[in-house]
Every structure is written in structure tokens, then in C-alpha cells.
């Protein structure tokens, strides 16, 4: 990203995620190792 210091570029995704959580008033985020698999099933099993 132009204008963003190189040492800050690797933090942009997490910074955006934190900002979105604050805007949406989300107080907690849990890790789920099966989330991608579950999303695949949900998207492909819709009738």
C-alpha cells in the first residue's frame, strides 16, 4: 500500500479486523478450526 510504512503493512489486516469489531461492538472472537469446512458444507448443501 502506497504511503504505508513497510513495518506497518503486515499489520493492516488485523488492524482492519479490530476496527470492524469495534464498529460492530463485537467483544469476543473465538477460533474454530472447522470454520472453513463448515462454510463449505453450508454453501454446498443449500437446496
C-alpha atoms as a PDB file:
ATOM      1  CA  UNK A   1       0.000   0.000   0.000  1.00  0.00           C
ATOM      2  CA  UNK A   2       1.411   3.314  -1.057  1.00  0.00           C
ATOM      3  CA  UNK A   3       2.224   5.667   1.783  1.00  0.00           C
ATOM      4  CA  UNK A   4       2.106   2.976   4.460  1.00  0.00           C
ATOM      5  CA  UNK A   5       5.387   2.227   6.222  1.00  0.00           C
ATOM      6  CA  UNK A   6       6.758  -1.214   5.373  1.00  0.00           C
ATOM      7  CA  UNK A   7       6.780  -2.350   9.011  1.00  0.00           C
ATOM      8  CA  UNK A   8       3.055  -1.479   9.225  1.00  0.00           C
ATOM      9  CA  UNK A   9       1.960  -3.272   6.045  1.00  0.00           C
ATOM     10  CA  UNK A  10       1.902  -6.684   7.715  1.00  0.00           C
ATOM     11  CA  UNK A  11      -0.474  -5.341  10.391  1.00  0.00           C
ATOM     12  CA  UNK A  12      -3.144  -3.908   8.093  1.00  0.00           C
ATOM     13  CA  UNK A  13      -5.426  -6.990   8.043  1.00  0.00           C
ATOM     14  CA  UNK A  14      -5.512  -7.369  11.803  1.00  0.00           C
ATOM     15  CA  UNK A  15      -5.989  -3.621  12.232  1.00  0.00           C
ATOM     16  CA  UNK A  16      -8.994  -3.631   9.902  1.00  0.00           C
ATOM     17  CA  UNK A  17     -10.441  -6.658  11.720  1.00  0.00           C
ATOM     18  CA  UNK A  18     -10.088  -4.887  15.076  1.00  0.00           C
ATOM     19  CA  UNK A  19     -11.683  -1.715  13.690  1.00  0.00           C
ATOM     20  CA  UNK A  20     -14.633  -3.707  12.304  1.00  0.00           C
ATOM     21  CA  UNK A  21     -15.114  -5.486  15.621  1.00  0.00           C
ATOM     22  CA  UNK A  22     -15.156  -2.147  17.427  1.00  0.00           C
ATOM     23  CA  UNK A  23     -17.657  -0.649  14.956  1.00  0.00           C
ATOM     24  CA  UNK A  24     -19.934  -3.680  15.253  1.00  0.00           C
ATOM     25  CA  UNK A  25     -19.487  -3.780  19.040  1.00  0.00           C
ATOM     26  CA  UNK A  26     -18.163  -7.351  18.967  1.00  0.00           C
ATOM     27  CA  UNK A  27     -16.454  -8.059  22.286  1.00  0.00           C
ATOM     28  CA  UNK A  28     -15.036 -11.524  21.679  1.00  0.00           C
ATOM     29  CA  UNK A  29     -13.812 -13.666  18.822  1.00  0.00           C
ATOM     30  CA  UNK A  30     -13.358 -17.415  19.104  1.00  0.00           C
ATOM     31  CA  UNK A  31     -11.102 -19.605  16.992  1.00  0.00           C
ATOM     32  CA  UNK A  32     -12.693 -22.557  15.231  1.00  0.00           C
ATOM     33  CA  UNK A  33     -10.501 -24.944  13.273  1.00  0.00           C
ATOM     34  CA  UNK A  34     -13.562 -26.223  11.420  1.00  0.00           C
ATOM     35  CA  UNK A  35     -14.921 -22.870  10.216  1.00  0.00           C
ATOM     36  CA  UNK A  36     -13.763 -23.225   6.606  1.00  0.00           C
ATOM     37  CA  UNK A  37     -15.116 -26.766   6.365  1.00  0.00           C
ATOM     38  CA  UNK A  38     -18.456 -25.740   7.875  1.00  0.00           C
ATOM     39  CA  UNK A  39     -18.774 -22.781   5.496  1.00  0.00           C
ATOM     40  CA  UNK A  40     -18.088 -25.118   2.574  1.00  0.00           C
ATOM     41  CA  UNK A  41     -20.821 -27.506   3.728  1.00  0.00           C
ATOM     42  CA  UNK A  42     -23.324 -24.711   4.289  1.00  0.00           C
ATOM     43  CA  UNK A  43     -22.687 -23.195   0.853  1.00  0.00           C
ATOM     44  CA  UNK A  44     -22.842 -26.520  -0.979  1.00  0.00           C
ATOM     45  CA  UNK A  45     -25.757 -28.135   0.844  1.00  0.00           C
ATOM     46  CA  UNK A  46     -28.232 -25.313   0.198  1.00  0.00           C
ATOM     47  CA  UNK A  47     -31.151 -26.518  -1.895  1.00  0.00           C
END
